[in-house]
PDB file of N, CA and C in Angstrom:
ATOM      1  N   MET A   1      28.524 -28.250  33.621  1.00  0.00           N
ATOM      2  CA  MET A   1      29.955 -28.198  33.827  1.00  0.00           C
ATOM      3  C   MET A   1      30.344 -26.801  34.298  1.00  0.00           C
ATOM      4  N   ASP A   2      31.191 -26.729  35.326  1.00  0.00           N
ATOM      5  CA  ASP A   2      31.651 -25.420  35.756  1.00  0.00           C
ATOM      6  C   ASP A   2      32.668 -24.876  34.749  1.00  0.00           C
ATOM      7  N   THR A   3      33.053 -23.628  34.909  1.00  0.00           N
ATOM      8  CA  THR A   3      33.913 -22.952  33.947  1.00  0.00           C
ATOM      9  C   THR A   3      35.273 -23.631  33.804  1.00  0.00           C
ATOM     10  N   LEU A   4      35.920 -23.988  34.920  1.00  0.00           N
ATOM     11  CA  LEU A   4      37.226 -24.639  34.853  1.00  0.00           C
ATOM     12  C   LEU A   4      37.121 -25.981  34.136  1.00  0.00           C
ATOM     13  N   THR A   5      36.144 -26.770  34.486  1.00  0.00           N
ATOM     14  CA  THR A   5      35.957 -28.076  33.857  1.00  0.00           C
ATOM     15  C   THR A   5      35.702 -27.921  32.368  1.00  0.00           C
ATOM     16  N   GLN A   6      34.868 -26.961  31.992  1.00  0.00           N
ATOM     17  CA  GLN A   6      34.572 -26.717  30.573  1.00  0.00           C
ATOM     18  C   GLN A   6      35.831 -26.313  29.820  1.00  0.00           C
ATOM     19  N   THR A   7      36.640 -25.450  30.419  1.00  0.00           N
ATOM     20  CA  THR A   7      37.877 -25.015  29.779  1.00  0.00           C
ATOM     21  C   THR A   7      38.835 -26.180  29.597  1.00  0.00           C
ATOM     22  N   VAL A   8      39.017 -26.973  30.654  1.00  0.00           N
ATOM     23  CA  VAL A   8      39.915 -28.132  30.566  1.00  0.00           C
ATOM     24  C   VAL A   8      39.409 -29.087  29.487  1.00  0.00           C
ATOM     25  N   TYR A   9      38.115 -29.352  29.473  1.00  0.00           N
ATOM     26  CA  TYR A   9      37.540 -30.237  28.465  1.00  0.00           C
ATOM     27  C   TYR A   9      37.843 -29.728  27.060  1.00  0.00           C
ATOM     28  N   GLU A  10      37.608 -28.453  26.822  1.00  0.00           N
ATOM     29  CA  GLU A  10      37.835 -27.883  25.494  1.00  0.00           C
ATOM     30  C   GLU A  10      39.299 -27.971  25.079  1.00  0.00           C
ATOM     31  N   VAL A  11      40.208 -27.808  26.023  1.00  0.00           N
ATOM     32  CA  VAL A  11      41.634 -27.918  25.705  1.00  0.00           C
ATOM     33  C   VAL A  11      42.008 -29.377  25.435  1.00  0.00           C
ATOM     34  N   VAL A  12      41.522 -30.294  26.245  1.00  0.00           N
ATOM     35  CA  VAL A  12      41.835 -31.720  26.054  1.00  0.00           C
ATOM     36  C   VAL A  12      41.328 -32.203  24.702  1.00  0.00           C
ATOM     37  N   VAL A  13      40.158 -31.763  24.298  1.00  0.00           N
ATOM     38  CA  VAL A  13      39.590 -32.186  23.012  1.00  0.00           C
ATOM     39  C   VAL A  13      40.570 -31.910  21.871  1.00  0.00           C
ATOM     40  N   GLY A  14      41.313 -30.825  21.971  1.00  0.00           N
ATOM     41  CA  GLY A  14      42.288 -30.492  20.937  1.00  0.00           C
ATOM     42  C   GLY A  14      43.429 -31.480  20.810  1.00  0.00           C
ATOM     43  N   TYR A  15      43.631 -32.304  21.815  1.00  0.00           N
ATOM     44  CA  TYR A  15      44.698 -33.304  21.791  1.00  0.00           C
ATOM     45  C   TYR A  15      44.222 -34.653  21.256  1.00  0.00           C
ATOM     46  N   ALA A  16      42.941 -34.819  21.096  1.00  0.00           N
ATOM     47  CA  ALA A  16      42.371 -36.062  20.558  1.00  0.00           C
ATOM     48  C   ALA A  16      42.152 -35.861  19.063  1.00  0.00           C
ATOM     49  N   ARG A  17      43.131 -36.303  18.276  1.00  0.00           N
ATOM     50  CA  ARG A  17      43.086 -36.031  16.841  1.00  0.00           C
ATOM     51  C   ARG A  17      43.858 -37.106  16.072  1.00  0.00           C
ATOM     52  N   LYS A  18      43.755 -37.027  14.767  1.00  0.00           N
ATOM     53  CA  LYS A  18      44.506 -37.929  13.905  1.00  0.00           C
ATOM     54  C   LYS A  18      45.906 -37.371  13.737  1.00  0.00           C
ATOM     55  N   GLY A  19      46.891 -38.243  13.934  1.00  0.00           N
ATOM     56  CA  GLY A  19      48.275 -37.867  13.717  1.00  0.00           C
ATOM     57  C   GLY A  19      48.788 -38.463  12.423  1.00  0.00           C
ATOM     58  N   LEU A  20      50.070 -38.289  12.165  1.00  0.00           N
ATOM     59  CA  LEU A  20      50.674 -38.811  10.947  1.00  0.00           C
ATOM     60  C   LEU A  20      50.568 -40.336  10.886  1.00  0.00           C
ATOM     61  N   ASN A  21      50.895 -40.999  11.979  1.00  0.00           N
ATOM     62  CA  ASN A  21      50.836 -42.466  12.047  1.00  0.00           C
ATOM     63  C   ASN A  21      50.079 -42.949  13.283  1.00  0.00           C
ATOM     64  N   SER A  22      49.072 -42.171  13.673  1.00  0.00           N
ATOM     65  CA  SER A  22      48.335 -42.531  14.888  1.00  0.00           C
ATOM     66  C   SER A  22      46.961 -41.879  14.886  1.00  0.00           C
ATOM     67  N   GLN A  23      46.154 -42.323  15.834  1.00  0.00           N
ATOM     68  CA  GLN A  23      44.853 -41.714  16.099  1.00  0.00           C
ATOM     69  C   GLN A  23      44.717 -41.620  17.610  1.00  0.00           C
ATOM     70  N   SER A  24      44.295 -40.475  18.108  1.00  0.00           N
ATOM     71  CA  SER A  24      44.129 -40.278  19.548  1.00  0.00           C
ATOM     72  C   SER A  24      42.657 -40.106  19.870  1.00  0.00           C
ATOM     73  N   TYR A  25      42.259 -40.646  21.021  1.00  0.00           N
ATOM     74  CA  TYR A  25      40.857 -40.652  21.426  1.00  0.00           C
ATOM     75  C   TYR A  25      40.705 -40.062  22.825  1.00  0.00           C
ATOM     76  N   LEU A  26      39.690 -39.256  23.006  1.00  0.00           N
ATOM     77  CA  LEU A  26      39.368 -38.662  24.299  1.00  0.00           C
ATOM     78  C   LEU A  26      38.519 -39.635  25.107  1.00  0.00           C
ATOM     79  N   THR A  27      38.860 -39.800  26.375  1.00  0.00           N
ATOM     80  CA  THR A  27      38.018 -40.529  27.314  1.00  0.00           C
ATOM     81  C   THR A  27      37.861 -39.666  28.558  1.00  0.00           C
ATOM     82  N   HIS A  28      36.769 -39.872  29.285  1.00  0.00           N
ATOM     83  CA  HIS A  28      36.557 -39.138  30.535  1.00  0.00           C
ATOM     84  C   HIS A  28      35.586 -39.909  31.414  1.00  0.00           C
ATOM     85  N   ASN A  29      35.621 -39.595  32.699  1.00  0.00           N
ATOM     86  CA  ASN A  29      34.689 -40.263  33.607  1.00  0.00           C
ATOM     87  C   ASN A  29      33.352 -39.528  33.587  1.00  0.00           C
ATOM     88  N   ASP A  30      32.356 -40.084  34.252  1.00  0.00           N
ATOM     89  CA  ASP A  30      30.995 -39.549  34.189  1.00  0.00           C
ATOM     90  C   ASP A  30      30.856 -38.140  34.752  1.00  0.00           C
ATOM     91  N   ASP A  31      31.644 -37.808  35.778  1.00  0.00           N
ATOM     92  CA  ASP A  31      31.502 -36.473  36.365  1.00  0.00           C
ATOM     93  C   ASP A  31      32.528 -35.465  35.819  1.00  0.00           C
ATOM     94  N   ASN A  32      33.204 -35.839  34.745  1.00  0.00           N
ATOM     95  CA  ASN A  32      34.147 -34.945  34.060  1.00  0.00           C
ATOM     96  C   ASN A  32      35.213 -34.375  34.983  1.00  0.00           C
ATOM     97  N   THR A  33      35.774 -35.232  35.830  1.00  0.00           N
ATOM     98  CA  THR A  33      36.891 -34.805  36.667  1.00  0.00           C
ATOM     99  C   THR A  33      38.194 -35.484  36.251  1.00  0.00           C
ATOM    100  N   ILE A  34      38.102 -36.480  35.382  1.00  0.00           N
ATOM    101  CA  ILE A  34      39.289 -37.148  34.861  1.00  0.00           C
ATOM    102  C   ILE A  34      39.155 -37.244  33.346  1.00  0.00           C
ATOM    103  N   PHE A  35      40.194 -36.758  32.659  1.00  0.00           N
ATOM    104  CA  PHE A  35      40.229 -36.798  31.200  1.00  0.00           C
ATOM    105  C   PHE A  35      41.512 -37.496  30.769  1.00  0.00           C
ATOM    106  N   SER A  36      41.420 -38.298  29.723  1.00  0.00           N
ATOM    107  CA  SER A  36      42.629 -38.896  29.172  1.00  0.00           C
ATOM    108  C   SER A  36      42.535 -38.902  27.657  1.00  0.00           C
ATOM    109  N   VAL A  37      43.701 -38.923  27.051  1.00  0.00           N
ATOM    110  CA  VAL A  37      43.792 -39.097  25.608  1.00  0.00           C
ATOM    111  C   VAL A  37      44.620 -40.350  25.388  1.00  0.00           C
ATOM    112  N   ILE A  38      44.009 -41.313  24.722  1.00  0.00           N
ATOM    113  CA  ILE A  38      44.651 -42.586  24.414  1.00  0.00           C
ATOM    114  C   ILE A  38      45.077 -42.530  22.953  1.00  0.00           C
ATOM    115  N   THR A  39      46.342 -42.821  22.708  1.00  0.00           N
ATOM    116  CA  THR A  39      46.865 -42.790  21.349  1.00  0.00           C
ATOM    117  C   THR A  39      47.129 -44.213  20.876  1.00  0.00           C
ATOM    118  N   VAL A  40      46.617 -44.520  19.689  1.00  0.00           N
ATOM    119  CA  VAL A  40      46.833 -45.814  19.058  1.00  0.00           C
ATOM    120  C   VAL A  40      47.658 -45.557  17.802  1.00  0.00           C
ATOM    121  N   THR A  41      48.800 -46.239  17.711  1.00  0.00           N
ATOM    122  CA  THR A  41      49.701 -46.024  16.581  1.00  0.00           C
ATOM    123  C   THR A  41      49.340 -46.931  15.406  1.00  0.00           C
ATOM    124  N   ALA A  42      49.946 -46.657  14.265  1.00  0.00           N
ATOM    125  CA  ALA A  42      49.680 -47.430  13.049  1.00  0.00           C
ATOM    126  C   ALA A  42      50.057 -48.897  13.213  1.00  0.00           C
ATOM    127  N   ASN A  43      51.019 -49.192  14.087  1.00  0.00           N
ATOM    128  CA  ASN A  43      51.389 -50.595  14.297  1.00  0.00           C
ATOM    129  C   ASN A  43      50.678 -51.196  15.512  1.00  0.00           C
ATOM    130  N   ASN A  44      49.532 -50.596  15.875  1.00  0.00           N
ATOM    131  CA  ASN A  44      48.627 -51.110  16.910  1.00  0.00           C
ATOM    132  C   ASN A  44      49.204 -51.143  18.314  1.00  0.00           C
ATOM    133  N   THR A  45      50.118 -50.258  18.618  1.00  0.00           N
ATOM    134  CA  THR A  45      50.515 -50.064  20.005  1.00  0.00           C
ATOM    135  C   THR A  45      49.692 -48.896  20.534  1.00  0.00           C
ATOM    136  N   SER A  46      49.518 -48.833  21.821  1.00  0.00           N
ATOM    137  CA  SER A  46      48.729 -47.747  22.390  1.00  0.00           C
ATOM    138  C   SER A  46      49.370 -47.273  23.686  1.00  0.00           C
ATOM    139  N   PHE A  47      49.071 -46.022  24.039  1.00  0.00           N
ATOM    140  CA  PHE A  47      49.583 -45.452  25.278  1.00  0.00           C
ATOM    141  C   PHE A  47      48.720 -44.260  25.673  1.00  0.00           C
ATOM    142  N   VAL A  48      48.801 -43.899  26.936  1.00  0.00           N
ATOM    143  CA  VAL A  48      48.102 -42.718  27.431  1.00  0.00           C
ATOM    144  C   VAL A  48      49.017 -41.523  27.171  1.00  0.00           C
ATOM    145  N   SER A  49      48.618 -40.670  26.243  1.00  0.00           N
ATOM    146  CA  SER A  49      49.452 -39.517  25.915  1.00  0.00           C
ATOM    147  C   SER A  49      49.149 -38.319  26.810  1.00  0.00           C
ATOM    148  N   LEU A  50      47.968 -38.319  27.441  1.00  0.00           N
ATOM    149  CA  LEU A  50      47.590 -37.220  28.325  1.00  0.00           C
ATOM    150  C   LEU A  50      46.639 -37.742  29.393  1.00  0.00           C
ATOM    151  N   LEU A  51      46.915 -37.401  30.638  1.00  0.00           N
ATOM    152  CA  LEU A  51      46.042 -37.777  31.750  1.00  0.00           C
ATOM    153  C   LEU A  51      45.938 -36.574  32.674  1.00  0.00           C
ATOM    154  N   VAL A  52      44.721 -36.083  32.839  1.00  0.00           N
ATOM    155  CA  VAL A  52      44.455 -34.865  33.604  1.00  0.00           C
ATOM    156  C   VAL A  52      43.288 -35.113  34.534  1.00  0.00           C
ATOM    157  N   ARG A  53      43.379 -34.565  35.745  1.00  0.00           N
ATOM    158  CA  ARG A  53      42.226 -34.629  36.639  1.00  0.00           C
ATOM    159  C   ARG A  53      42.006 -33.265  37.281  1.00  0.00           C
ATOM    160  N   ILE A  54      40.781 -33.038  37.678  1.00  0.00           N
ATOM    161  CA  ILE A  54      40.406 -31.795  38.343  1.00  0.00           C
ATOM    162  C   ILE A  54      39.998 -32.155  39.761  1.00  0.00           C
ATOM    163  N   SER A  55      40.624 -31.482  40.731  1.00  0.00           N
ATOM    164  CA  SER A  55      40.329 -31.744  42.125  1.00  0.00           C
ATOM    165  C   SER A  55      40.480 -30.454  42.914  1.00  0.00           C
ATOM    166  N   ASN A  56      39.450 -30.093  43.652  1.00  0.00           N
ATOM    167  CA  ASN A  56      39.476 -28.896  44.499  1.00  0.00           C
ATOM    168  C   ASN A  56      39.945 -27.655  43.741  1.00  0.00           C
ATOM    169  N   SER A  57      39.384 -27.425  42.576  1.00  0.00           N
ATOM    170  CA  SER A  57      39.687 -26.268  41.733  1.00  0.00           C
ATOM    171  C   SER A  57      41.129 -26.232  41.240  1.00  0.00           C
ATOM    172  N   ALA A  58      41.790 -27.382  41.236  1.00  0.00           N
ATOM    173  CA  ALA A  58      43.140 -27.485  40.683  1.00  0.00           C
ATOM    174  C   ALA A  58      43.111 -28.444  39.494  1.00  0.00           C
ATOM    175  N   VAL A  59      43.894 -28.126  38.478  1.00  0.00           N
ATOM    176  CA  VAL A  59      44.068 -28.997  37.327  1.00  0.00           C
ATOM    177  C   VAL A  59      45.368 -29.749  37.553  1.00  0.00           C
ATOM    178  N   ILE A  60      45.281 -31.049  37.700  1.00  0.00           N
ATOM    179  CA  ILE A  60      46.444 -31.877  37.984  1.00  0.00           C
ATOM    180  C   ILE A  60      46.773 -32.672  36.721  1.00  0.00           C
ATOM    181  N   VAL A  61      47.936 -32.376  36.160  1.00  0.00           N
ATOM    182  CA  VAL A  61      48.379 -33.061  34.947  1.00  0.00           C
ATOM    183  C   VAL A  61      49.266 -34.223  35.385  1.00  0.00           C
ATOM    184  N   GLU A  62      48.729 -35.420  35.279  1.00  0.00           N
ATOM    185  CA  GLU A  62      49.437 -36.622  35.715  1.00  0.00           C
ATOM    186  C   GLU A  62      50.442 -37.090  34.669  1.00  0.00           C
ATOM    187  N   GLN A  63      50.087 -36.938  33.395  1.00  0.00           N
ATOM    188  CA  GLN A  63      50.958 -37.395  32.320  1.00  0.00           C
ATOM    189  C   GLN A  63      50.720 -36.521  31.099  1.00  0.00           C
ATOM    190  N   ASP A  64      51.820 -36.164  30.412  1.00  0.00           N
ATOM    191  CA  ASP A  64      51.732 -35.376  29.187  1.00  0.00           C
ATOM    192  C   ASP A  64      52.885 -35.775  28.284  1.00  0.00           C
ATOM    193  N   GLN A  65      52.564 -36.470  27.207  1.00  0.00           N
ATOM    194  CA  GLN A  65      53.577 -36.918  26.255  1.00  0.00           C
ATOM    195  C   GLN A  65      53.337 -36.300  24.885  1.00  0.00           C
ATOM    196  N   ASN A  66      53.001 -35.032  24.866  1.00  0.00           N
ATOM    197  CA  ASN A  66      52.669 -34.346  23.630  1.00  0.00           C
ATOM    198  C   ASN A  66      53.741 -33.341  23.256  1.00  0.00           C
ATOM    199  N   ASP A  67      53.820 -33.046  21.955  1.00  0.00           N
ATOM    200  CA  ASP A  67      54.785 -32.051  21.485  1.00  0.00           C
ATOM    201  C   ASP A  67      54.467 -30.672  22.053  1.00  0.00           C
ATOM    202  N   LYS A  68      53.202 -30.303  22.033  1.00  0.00           N
ATOM    203  CA  LYS A  68      52.789 -29.036  22.654  1.00  0.00           C
ATOM    204  C   LYS A  68      52.374 -29.348  24.088  1.00  0.00           C
ATOM    205  N   ALA A  69      53.112 -28.805  25.036  1.00  0.00           N
ATOM    206  CA  ALA A  69      52.823 -29.079  26.448  1.00  0.00           C
ATOM    207  C   ALA A  69      51.400 -28.648  26.794  1.00  0.00           C
ATOM    208  N   PHE A  70      50.692 -29.527  27.484  1.00  0.00           N
ATOM    209  CA  PHE A  70      49.307 -29.251  27.876  1.00  0.00           C
ATOM    210  C   PHE A  70      49.228 -28.008  28.757  1.00  0.00           C
ATOM    211  N   VAL A  71      50.205 -27.811  29.625  1.00  0.00           N
ATOM    212  CA  VAL A  71      50.203 -26.640  30.505  1.00  0.00           C
ATOM    213  C   VAL A  71      50.183 -25.356  29.676  1.00  0.00           C
ATOM    214  N   ASP A  72      50.912 -25.326  28.567  1.00  0.00           N
ATOM    215  CA  ASP A  72      50.926 -24.136  27.714  1.00  0.00           C
ATOM    216  C   ASP A  72      49.553 -23.884  27.099  1.00  0.00           C
ATOM    217  N   ALA A  73      48.889 -24.955  26.692  1.00  0.00           N
ATOM    218  CA  ALA A  73      47.542 -24.818  26.127  1.00  0.00           C
ATOM    219  C   ALA A  73      46.551 -24.325  27.176  1.00  0.00           C
ATOM    220  N   LEU A  74      46.691 -24.815  28.422  1.00  0.00           N
ATOM    221  CA  LEU A  74      45.823 -24.336  29.500  1.00  0.00           C
ATOM    222  C   LEU A  74      46.045 -22.849  29.759  1.00  0.00           C
ATOM    223  N   LEU A  75      47.298 -22.445  29.799  1.00  0.00           N
ATOM    224  CA  LEU A  75      47.605 -21.030  30.030  1.00  0.00           C
ATOM    225  C   LEU A  75      47.029 -20.161  28.913  1.00  0.00           C
ATOM    226  N   GLN A  76      47.151 -20.617  27.669  1.00  0.00           N
ATOM    227  CA  GLN A  76      46.577 -19.879  26.537  1.00  0.00           C
ATOM    228  C   GLN A  76      45.057 -19.787  26.635  1.00  0.00           C
ATOM    229  N   ALA A  77      44.440 -20.772  27.260  1.00  0.00           N
ATOM    230  CA  ALA A  77      42.981 -20.790  27.424  1.00  0.00           C
ATOM    231  C   ALA A  77      42.527 -19.964  28.623  1.00  0.00           C
ATOM    232  N   GLY A  78      43.492 -19.410  29.383  1.00  0.00           N
ATOM    233  CA  GLY A  78      43.129 -18.534  30.490  1.00  0.00           C
ATOM    234  C   GLY A  78      43.173 -19.152  31.874  1.00  0.00           C
ATOM    235  N   VAL A  79      43.628 -20.397  31.991  1.00  0.00           N
ATOM    236  CA  VAL A  79      43.747 -21.019  33.314  1.00  0.00           C
ATOM    237  C   VAL A  79      44.990 -20.444  33.992  1.00  0.00           C
ATOM    238  N   GLN A  80      44.840 -20.006  35.227  1.00  0.00           N
ATOM    239  CA  GLN A  80      45.960 -19.427  35.964  1.00  0.00           C
ATOM    240  C   GLN A  80      46.981 -20.510  36.321  1.00  0.00           C
ATOM    241  N   ARG A  81      48.260 -20.177  36.222  1.00  0.00           N
ATOM    242  CA  ARG A  81      49.321 -21.157  36.503  1.00  0.00           C
ATOM    243  C   ARG A  81      49.217 -21.685  37.932  1.00  0.00           C
ATOM    244  N   GLU A  82      48.767 -20.868  38.863  1.00  0.00           N
ATOM    245  CA  GLU A  82      48.627 -21.288  40.262  1.00  0.00           C
ATOM    246  C   GLU A  82      47.614 -22.420  40.422  1.00  0.00           C
ATOM    247  N   ALA A  83      46.715 -22.560  39.445  1.00  0.00           N
ATOM    248  CA  ALA A  83      45.685 -23.599  39.507  1.00  0.00           C
ATOM    249  C   ALA A  83      46.112 -24.892  38.821  1.00  0.00           C
ATOM    250  N   ILE A  84      47.343 -24.917  38.294  1.00  0.00           N
ATOM    251  CA  ILE A  84      47.823 -26.074  37.541  1.00  0.00           C
ATOM    252  C   ILE A  84      48.961 -26.744  38.313  1.00  0.00           C
ATOM    253  N   ARG A  85      48.881 -28.059  38.464  1.00  0.00           N
ATOM    254  CA  ARG A  85      49.938 -28.830  39.104  1.00  0.00           C
ATOM    255  C   ARG A  85      50.447 -29.868  38.101  1.00  0.00           C
ATOM    256  N   LEU A  86      51.736 -29.895  37.881  1.00  0.00           N
ATOM    257  CA  LEU A  86      52.339 -30.864  36.972  1.00  0.00           C
ATOM    258  C   LEU A  86      52.887 -32.028  37.791  1.00  0.00           C
ATOM    259  N   ALA A  87      52.022 -32.981  38.071  1.00  0.00           N
ATOM    260  CA  ALA A  87      52.401 -34.131  38.892  1.00  0.00           C
ATOM    261  C   ALA A  87      53.526 -34.920  38.235  1.00  0.00           C
ATOM    262  N   TYR A  88      53.520 -35.011  36.908  1.00  0.00           N
ATOM    263  CA  TYR A  88      54.532 -35.783  36.204  1.00  0.00           C
ATOM    264  C   TYR A  88      55.923 -35.139  36.316  1.00  0.00           C
ATOM    265  N   LYS A  89      55.977 -33.882  36.724  1.00  0.00           N
ATOM    266  CA  LYS A  89      57.256 -33.203  36.953  1.00  0.00           C
ATOM    267  C   LYS A  89      57.588 -33.093  38.434  1.00  0.00           C
ATOM    268  N   GLY A  90      56.766 -33.715  39.267  1.00  0.00           N
ATOM    269  CA  GLY A  90      57.048 -33.746  40.687  1.00  0.00           C
ATOM    270  C   GLY A  90      56.622 -32.499  41.446  1.00  0.00           C
ATOM    271  N   GLU A  91      55.777 -31.661  40.848  1.00  0.00           N
ATOM    272  CA  GLU A  91      55.300 -30.479  41.569  1.00  0.00           C
ATOM    273  C   GLU A  91      54.464 -30.919  42.766  1.00  0.00           C
ATOM    274  N   PRO A  92      54.601 -30.230  43.886  1.00  0.00           N
ATOM    275  CA  PRO A  92      53.850 -30.614  45.075  1.00  0.00           C
ATOM    276  C   PRO A  92      52.347 -30.413  44.863  1.00  0.00           C
ATOM    277  N   MET A  93      51.598 -31.331  45.412  1.00  0.00           N
ATOM    278  CA  MET A  93      50.145 -31.246  45.334  1.00  0.00           C
ATOM    279  C   MET A  93      49.632 -30.508  46.551  1.00  0.00           C
ATOM    280  N   PRO A  94      48.541 -29.749  46.390  1.00  0.00           N
ATOM    281  CA  PRO A  94      47.918 -29.129  47.554  1.00  0.00           C
ATOM    282  C   PRO A  94      47.496 -30.217  48.554  1.00  0.00           C
ATOM    283  N   ALA A  95      47.492 -29.897  49.811  1.00  0.00           N
ATOM    284  CA  ALA A  95      47.198 -30.881  50.855  1.00  0.00           C
ATOM    285  C   ALA A  95      45.856 -31.571  50.657  1.00  0.00           C
ATOM    286  N   ALA A  96      44.852 -30.867  50.175  1.00  0.00           N
ATOM    287  CA  ALA A  96      43.504 -31.429  50.052  1.00  0.00           C
ATOM    288  C   ALA A  96      43.295 -32.166  48.734  1.00  0.00           C
ATOM    289  N   VAL A  97      44.290 -32.232  47.860  1.00  0.00           N
ATOM    290  CA  VAL A  97      44.106 -32.845  46.547  1.00  0.00           C
ATOM    291  C   VAL A  97      44.373 -34.315  46.580  1.00  0.00           C
TER     292      VAL A  97
END
């Protein structure tokens, strides 16, 4: 895993945890370019609480439904803001992404 992918993975892992009335699970594809956290609630409903992909050295956050914004966690982990795109907020994507 390259450095950016490893950092994103380590940050995403922190979002896959037991909550007060839920449990969240980390999923990812084989080449570690897409990460998601699936949350299952106590009443057996489920949703994607976090969906992130890495493309052309950019971290693209497709969905983030967490109390602590994923972008803030990435910044704390040392990822430069210029390398992060918040697709769910309508930020423009780089042409090659």
